[in-house]
Each structure stands twice: as structure tokens, then as C-alpha cells.
Amino acid sequence: MVGNNRLSKVSMGALPEKEDRHIPRPHDRQMVLIGVRVRRKGESWFRSRITDMSLDGFRLLSFVKLQIGMEIWVMFPGFEGRRAKVVWIADHEAGCAFENPLHPAIFDHIIRTCDLRARG
């Protein structure tokens, strides 16, 4: 038995680092390209884009400095601002989690509206 436990530990240590940092997502992500307005706490709104989103969060393209754990506000066209928290950062992208998940009807409306704009 000791040998099996030891083997398990060795196998777990051999997993790629990316696997260890994986954050499980309860809802599927939808690929989008949505122009939004974003605001850091105490600052002015700036324009940015979201490239994918789910009921729980989104991937933000941003050239503004963001930090993990930072609170931001995001405003989708036609909606009030929603609070979110930065969960990860890579280059000019940030993964953010909504403070409260989107209602499925709101999510569908945003996706549908975004899709219609993209088609012209």
C-alpha cells in the first residue's frame, strides 16, 4: 500500500502546472466580441472588449493595468454597470468573475444583441 500512495504522489507531481491552476467553471463560455465600458474603483469609465463570457464571468481585453483580486465594474450596452473581480491576468487579457451571476435571460439577450451587431 505504501508503494501505491507514493506512486500517486509522484504521478500528481508530474501533472502540468497549467492543470494545477485550472479553475472549474460551472457554466459554458460563449465566444463573443462585445464593446463594453469598464471602470476601476474610484476612476473613470474606459472602453474595452469582452471576447468570451458565461453566466459567471468574462474574458476582458484591456491595456489598463489590472491586478488579481481587483474590483472592477463592467457595463454592457443597454445595461447598468455590474461589479466583477479580476481572477487571472495574462498579457492584455483578464479573466473576471461577476459578483452575482447573470440571469440566463440577460445573458441570452447580451449574446443575441452582440451577434446581431457583429453581422451588421
N, C-alpha and C. Protein backbone atom coordinates (compact mmCIF):
# COMPACT_ATOMS: atom_id res chain seq x y z
N MET A 1 0.81 -1.20 0.00
CA MET A 1 0.00 0.00 0.00
C MET A 1 0.85 1.26 0.00
N VAL A 2 1.90 1.26 0.77
CA VAL A 2 2.75 2.45 0.84
C VAL A 2 3.29 2.78 -0.54
N GLY A 3 3.67 1.76 -1.29
CA GLY A 3 4.18 1.97 -2.65
C GLY A 3 3.14 2.64 -3.54
N ASN A 4 1.88 2.24 -3.42
CA ASN A 4 0.82 2.85 -4.24
C ASN A 4 0.61 4.30 -3.88
N ASN A 5 0.61 4.62 -2.58
CA ASN A 5 0.45 6.00 -2.17
C ASN A 5 1.60 6.85 -2.68
N ARG A 6 2.80 6.30 -2.60
CA ARG A 6 3.98 7.02 -3.06
C ARG A 6 3.89 7.28 -4.56
N LEU A 7 3.42 6.26 -5.30
CA LEU A 7 3.28 6.39 -6.74
C LEU A 7 2.26 7.47 -7.07
N SER A 8 1.17 7.52 -6.33
CA SER A 8 0.15 8.53 -6.56
C SER A 8 0.72 9.93 -6.39
N LYS A 9 1.52 10.10 -5.37
CA LYS A 9 2.12 11.41 -5.13
C LYS A 9 3.07 11.80 -6.25
N VAL A 10 3.84 10.84 -6.73
CA VAL A 10 4.76 11.11 -7.83
C VAL A 10 3.96 11.46 -9.07
N SER A 11 2.90 10.71 -9.36
CA SER A 11 2.08 10.97 -10.54
C SER A 11 1.45 12.35 -10.47
N MET A 12 0.96 12.73 -9.29
CA MET A 12 0.33 14.04 -9.15
C MET A 12 1.35 15.15 -9.37
N GLY A 13 2.57 14.95 -8.93
CA GLY A 13 3.61 15.96 -9.11
C GLY A 13 4.01 16.11 -10.56
N ALA A 14 3.75 15.09 -11.38
CA ALA A 14 4.14 15.13 -12.78
C ALA A 14 3.11 15.83 -13.66
N LEU A 15 1.95 16.22 -13.10
CA LEU A 15 0.94 16.90 -13.89
C LEU A 15 1.45 18.27 -14.33
N PRO A 16 1.06 18.71 -15.53
CA PRO A 16 1.48 20.04 -15.99
C PRO A 16 1.00 21.13 -15.04
N GLU A 17 1.80 22.17 -14.90
CA GLU A 17 1.47 23.24 -13.97
C GLU A 17 0.13 23.88 -14.31
N LYS A 18 -0.19 24.01 -15.60
CA LYS A 18 -1.44 24.62 -16.02
C LYS A 18 -2.64 23.89 -15.43
N GLU A 19 -2.57 22.57 -15.35
CA GLU A 19 -3.65 21.77 -14.77
C GLU A 19 -3.89 22.16 -13.32
N ASP A 20 -2.82 22.43 -12.58
CA ASP A 20 -2.94 22.78 -11.17
C ASP A 20 -3.66 24.10 -10.98
N ARG A 21 -3.54 25.01 -11.94
CA ARG A 21 -4.15 26.33 -11.81
C ARG A 21 -5.53 26.40 -12.43
N HIS A 22 -6.04 25.31 -12.99
CA HIS A 22 -7.34 25.31 -13.64
C HIS A 22 -8.43 25.65 -12.63
N ILE A 23 -9.27 26.59 -13.02
CA ILE A 23 -10.41 26.98 -12.17
C ILE A 23 -11.67 26.39 -12.79
N PRO A 24 -12.37 25.51 -12.09
CA PRO A 24 -13.57 24.91 -12.66
C PRO A 24 -14.63 25.97 -12.93
N ARG A 25 -15.32 25.83 -14.04
CA ARG A 25 -16.36 26.79 -14.42
C ARG A 25 -17.69 26.08 -14.43
N PRO A 26 -18.67 26.59 -13.67
CA PRO A 26 -19.96 25.91 -13.60
C PRO A 26 -20.80 26.09 -14.87
N HIS A 27 -20.53 27.12 -15.70
CA HIS A 27 -21.32 27.35 -16.91
C HIS A 27 -20.41 27.44 -18.13
N ASP A 28 -20.95 27.04 -19.27
CA ASP A 28 -20.21 27.09 -20.53
C ASP A 28 -19.93 28.53 -20.93
N ARG A 29 -18.81 28.70 -21.60
CA ARG A 29 -18.43 30.02 -22.12
C ARG A 29 -18.89 30.15 -23.56
N GLN A 30 -19.26 31.39 -23.92
CA GLN A 30 -19.69 31.72 -25.26
C GLN A 30 -18.68 32.69 -25.86
N MET A 31 -18.17 32.38 -27.04
CA MET A 31 -17.25 33.28 -27.72
C MET A 31 -18.04 34.49 -28.22
N VAL A 32 -17.55 35.70 -27.93
CA VAL A 32 -18.23 36.93 -28.31
C VAL A 32 -17.18 37.99 -28.65
N LEU A 33 -17.63 39.11 -29.13
CA LEU A 33 -16.79 40.29 -29.23
C LEU A 33 -17.72 41.46 -28.92
N ILE A 34 -17.69 41.91 -27.69
CA ILE A 34 -18.62 42.93 -27.21
C ILE A 34 -17.84 44.15 -26.74
N GLY A 35 -18.20 45.30 -27.26
CA GLY A 35 -17.64 46.55 -26.76
C GLY A 35 -18.33 46.90 -25.46
N VAL A 36 -17.56 47.10 -24.42
CA VAL A 36 -18.10 47.42 -23.09
C VAL A 36 -17.37 48.64 -22.52
N ARG A 37 -17.90 49.13 -21.43
CA ARG A 37 -17.20 50.15 -20.66
C ARG A 37 -16.81 49.52 -19.34
N VAL A 38 -15.61 49.84 -18.89
CA VAL A 38 -15.06 49.25 -17.66
C VAL A 38 -14.55 50.37 -16.78
N ARG A 39 -14.65 50.15 -15.48
CA ARG A 39 -14.18 51.16 -14.54
C ARG A 39 -13.51 50.48 -13.36
N ARG A 40 -12.32 50.98 -13.01
CA ARG A 40 -11.68 50.55 -11.77
C ARG A 40 -12.25 51.40 -10.65
N LYS A 41 -12.24 50.89 -9.45
CA LYS A 41 -12.81 51.59 -8.29
C LYS A 41 -12.23 53.00 -8.17
N GLY A 42 -13.13 53.98 -8.12
CA GLY A 42 -12.72 55.37 -7.93
C GLY A 42 -12.20 56.06 -9.18
N GLU A 43 -12.30 55.42 -10.35
CA GLU A 43 -11.77 56.01 -11.58
C GLU A 43 -12.86 56.17 -12.62
N SER A 44 -12.51 56.76 -13.75
CA SER A 44 -13.46 56.99 -14.84
C SER A 44 -13.64 55.74 -15.69
N TRP A 45 -14.74 55.71 -16.44
CA TRP A 45 -15.02 54.61 -17.35
C TRP A 45 -14.07 54.67 -18.54
N PHE A 46 -13.67 53.51 -19.06
CA PHE A 46 -12.89 53.43 -20.29
C PHE A 46 -13.49 52.32 -21.15
N ARG A 47 -13.22 52.38 -22.44
CA ARG A 47 -13.75 51.38 -23.37
C ARG A 47 -12.84 50.16 -23.43
N SER A 48 -13.48 49.00 -23.58
CA SER A 48 -12.74 47.76 -23.68
C SER A 48 -13.59 46.76 -24.45
N ARG A 49 -13.11 45.54 -24.55
CA ARG A 49 -13.85 44.48 -25.25
C ARG A 49 -13.82 43.19 -24.45
N ILE A 50 -14.91 42.47 -24.57
CA ILE A 50 -15.02 41.14 -23.97
C ILE A 50 -14.99 40.13 -25.10
N THR A 51 -14.16 39.08 -24.97
CA THR A 51 -14.02 38.09 -26.03
C THR A 51 -14.70 36.76 -25.74
N ASP A 52 -15.02 36.50 -24.48
CA ASP A 52 -15.87 35.36 -24.16
C ASP A 52 -16.52 35.62 -22.82
N MET A 53 -17.65 34.97 -22.62
CA MET A 53 -18.36 35.18 -21.35
C MET A 53 -19.26 33.99 -21.04
N SER A 54 -19.63 33.92 -19.77
CA SER A 54 -20.56 32.92 -19.28
C SER A 54 -21.47 33.62 -18.28
N LEU A 55 -22.34 32.88 -17.66
CA LEU A 55 -23.20 33.46 -16.63
C LEU A 55 -22.36 33.98 -15.46
N ASP A 56 -21.19 33.39 -15.26
CA ASP A 56 -20.37 33.70 -14.09
C ASP A 56 -19.26 34.71 -14.32
N GLY A 57 -18.84 34.92 -15.58
CA GLY A 57 -17.72 35.82 -15.78
C GLY A 57 -17.40 36.05 -17.24
N PHE A 58 -16.23 36.65 -17.49
CA PHE A 58 -15.87 37.04 -18.85
C PHE A 58 -14.36 37.21 -18.98
N ARG A 59 -13.90 37.22 -20.24
CA ARG A 59 -12.50 37.49 -20.57
C ARG A 59 -12.47 38.90 -21.16
N LEU A 60 -11.69 39.75 -20.54
CA LEU A 60 -11.61 41.16 -20.90
C LEU A 60 -10.29 41.46 -21.59
N LEU A 61 -10.35 42.16 -22.73
CA LEU A 61 -9.14 42.69 -23.37
C LEU A 61 -8.93 44.08 -22.81
N SER A 62 -7.77 44.35 -22.25
CA SER A 62 -7.56 45.65 -21.62
C SER A 62 -6.09 46.03 -21.62
N PHE A 63 -5.84 47.29 -21.95
CA PHE A 63 -4.48 47.81 -21.88
C PHE A 63 -4.29 48.61 -20.59
N VAL A 64 -5.33 48.64 -19.75
CA VAL A 64 -5.26 49.29 -18.46
C VAL A 64 -4.75 48.28 -17.44
N LYS A 65 -3.89 48.72 -16.55
CA LYS A 65 -3.31 47.81 -15.56
C LYS A 65 -4.38 47.31 -14.59
N LEU A 66 -4.49 46.00 -14.52
CA LEU A 66 -5.41 45.35 -13.59
C LEU A 66 -4.59 44.39 -12.73
N GLN A 67 -5.10 44.09 -11.55
CA GLN A 67 -4.42 43.17 -10.65
C GLN A 67 -5.40 42.10 -10.19
N ILE A 68 -4.87 40.91 -9.95
CA ILE A 68 -5.71 39.83 -9.43
C ILE A 68 -6.32 40.27 -8.11
N GLY A 69 -7.62 40.05 -7.97
CA GLY A 69 -8.35 40.44 -6.77
C GLY A 69 -8.95 41.83 -6.85
N MET A 70 -8.60 42.59 -7.89
CA MET A 70 -9.10 43.96 -8.04
C MET A 70 -10.59 43.94 -8.38
N GLU A 71 -11.33 44.87 -7.79
CA GLU A 71 -12.74 45.03 -8.10
C GLU A 71 -12.86 45.98 -9.29
N ILE A 72 -13.68 45.58 -10.26
CA ILE A 72 -13.96 46.45 -11.41
C ILE A 72 -15.47 46.46 -11.64
N TRP A 73 -15.90 47.39 -12.47
CA TRP A 73 -17.29 47.46 -12.92
C TRP A 73 -17.27 47.33 -14.43
N VAL A 74 -18.21 46.56 -14.98
CA VAL A 74 -18.33 46.42 -16.43
C VAL A 74 -19.76 46.79 -16.82
N MET A 75 -19.87 47.57 -17.92
CA MET A 75 -21.18 47.99 -18.39
C MET A 75 -21.39 47.49 -19.82
N PHE A 76 -22.36 46.60 -19.97
CA PHE A 76 -22.75 46.10 -21.28
C PHE A 76 -23.71 47.10 -21.92
N PRO A 77 -23.71 47.20 -23.25
CA PRO A 77 -24.63 48.14 -23.91
C PRO A 77 -26.08 47.90 -23.48
N GLY A 78 -26.73 48.96 -23.03
CA GLY A 78 -28.13 48.86 -22.62
C GLY A 78 -28.35 48.42 -21.18
N PHE A 79 -27.28 48.20 -20.42
CA PHE A 79 -27.41 47.73 -19.04
C PHE A 79 -26.62 48.62 -18.09
N GLU A 80 -26.99 48.58 -16.83
CA GLU A 80 -26.22 49.27 -15.80
C GLU A 80 -24.92 48.53 -15.55
N GLY A 81 -23.98 49.18 -14.87
CA GLY A 81 -22.72 48.54 -14.54
C GLY A 81 -22.91 47.38 -13.57
N ARG A 82 -22.07 46.38 -13.74
CA ARG A 82 -22.08 45.20 -12.86
C ARG A 82 -20.70 45.04 -12.25
N ARG A 83 -20.67 44.72 -10.97
CA ARG A 83 -19.40 44.53 -10.27
C ARG A 83 -18.82 43.16 -10.58
N ALA A 84 -17.49 43.13 -10.75
CA ALA A 84 -16.77 41.88 -11.01
C ALA A 84 -15.41 41.95 -10.33
N LYS A 85 -14.78 40.80 -10.21
CA LYS A 85 -13.45 40.72 -9.61
C LYS A 85 -12.49 40.07 -10.60
N VAL A 86 -11.29 40.62 -10.71
CA VAL A 86 -10.27 40.05 -11.59
C VAL A 86 -9.74 38.77 -10.95
N VAL A 87 -9.79 37.67 -11.72
CA VAL A 87 -9.40 36.35 -11.22
C VAL A 87 -8.02 35.95 -11.75
N TRP A 88 -7.73 36.30 -12.99
CA TRP A 88 -6.42 35.99 -13.57
C TRP A 88 -6.06 37.08 -14.58
N ILE A 89 -4.76 37.17 -14.88
CA ILE A 89 -4.24 38.15 -15.83
C ILE A 89 -3.19 37.46 -16.69
N ALA A 90 -3.22 37.74 -18.01
CA ALA A 90 -2.21 37.25 -18.94
C ALA A 90 -2.07 38.28 -20.05
N ASP A 91 -0.90 38.90 -20.13
CA ASP A 91 -0.64 39.94 -21.12
C ASP A 91 -1.72 41.03 -21.01
N HIS A 92 -2.48 41.24 -22.10
CA HIS A 92 -3.51 42.28 -22.10
C HIS A 92 -4.92 41.70 -21.95
N GLU A 93 -5.01 40.56 -21.29
CA GLU A 93 -6.29 39.92 -21.03
C GLU A 93 -6.45 39.70 -19.54
N ALA A 94 -7.71 39.69 -19.11
CA ALA A 94 -8.00 39.41 -17.71
C ALA A 94 -9.27 38.57 -17.64
N GLY A 95 -9.26 37.57 -16.80
CA GLY A 95 -10.45 36.78 -16.53
C GLY A 95 -11.13 37.37 -15.32
N CYS A 96 -12.41 37.64 -15.43
CA CYS A 96 -13.15 38.29 -14.35
C CYS A 96 -14.40 37.49 -14.00
N ALA A 97 -14.75 37.50 -12.73
CA ALA A 97 -15.93 36.81 -12.24
C ALA A 97 -16.93 37.85 -11.76
N PHE A 98 -18.19 37.74 -12.24
CA PHE A 98 -19.24 38.64 -11.77
C PHE A 98 -19.46 38.45 -10.28
N GLU A 99 -19.76 39.52 -9.59
CA GLU A 99 -20.10 39.41 -8.18
C GLU A 99 -21.34 38.53 -8.01
N ASN A 100 -22.32 38.73 -8.87
CA ASN A 100 -23.53 37.90 -8.91
C ASN A 100 -23.69 37.39 -10.35
N PRO A 101 -23.89 36.10 -10.54
CA PRO A 101 -24.02 35.58 -11.90
C PRO A 101 -25.15 36.28 -12.67
N LEU A 102 -24.97 36.35 -13.98
CA LEU A 102 -26.01 36.91 -14.83
C LEU A 102 -27.22 35.99 -14.85
N HIS A 103 -28.40 36.57 -14.94
CA HIS A 103 -29.61 35.77 -15.15
C HIS A 103 -29.53 35.22 -16.57
N PRO A 104 -29.93 33.97 -16.81
CA PRO A 104 -29.84 33.40 -18.16
C PRO A 104 -30.52 34.25 -19.24
N ALA A 105 -31.64 34.89 -18.93
CA ALA A 105 -32.32 35.73 -19.93
C ALA A 105 -31.48 36.95 -20.28
N ILE A 106 -30.81 37.54 -19.31
CA ILE A 106 -29.93 38.68 -19.57
C ILE A 106 -28.73 38.23 -20.39
N PHE A 107 -28.15 37.11 -20.02
CA PHE A 107 -27.03 36.55 -20.78
C PHE A 107 -27.43 36.33 -22.24
N ASP A 108 -28.58 35.68 -22.46
CA ASP A 108 -29.04 35.41 -23.83
C ASP A 108 -29.27 36.70 -24.60
N HIS A 109 -29.84 37.71 -23.95
CA HIS A 109 -30.08 38.99 -24.60
C HIS A 109 -28.76 39.65 -25.02
N ILE A 110 -27.78 39.64 -24.14
CA ILE A 110 -26.47 40.24 -24.45
C ILE A 110 -25.85 39.50 -25.64
N ILE A 111 -25.88 38.18 -25.63
CA ILE A 111 -25.29 37.38 -26.71
C ILE A 111 -26.04 37.65 -28.03
N ARG A 112 -27.36 37.65 -27.98
CA ARG A 112 -28.16 37.88 -29.18
C ARG A 112 -27.90 39.27 -29.75
N THR A 113 -27.87 40.29 -28.90
CA THR A 113 -27.64 41.66 -29.33
C THR A 113 -26.23 41.79 -29.91
N CYS A 114 -25.26 41.19 -29.27
CA CYS A 114 -23.87 41.20 -29.75
C CYS A 114 -23.78 40.54 -31.11
N ASP A 115 -24.45 39.41 -31.28
CA ASP A 115 -24.41 38.66 -32.52
C ASP A 115 -25.04 39.48 -33.66
N LEU A 116 -26.13 40.18 -33.41
CA LEU A 116 -26.78 40.99 -34.42
C LEU A 116 -25.86 42.15 -34.86
N ARG A 117 -25.19 42.77 -33.90
CA ARG A 117 -24.27 43.87 -34.23
C ARG A 117 -23.09 43.37 -35.07
N ALA A 118 -22.61 42.19 -34.75
CA ALA A 118 -21.46 41.62 -35.47
C ALA A 118 -21.81 41.31 -36.92
N ARG A 119 -23.06 40.93 -37.17
CA ARG A 119 -23.48 40.61 -38.54
C ARG A 119 -23.72 41.86 -39.38
N GLY A 120 -23.88 43.01 -38.71
CA GLY A 120 -24.01 44.26 -39.43
C GLY A 120 -25.43 44.65 -39.63
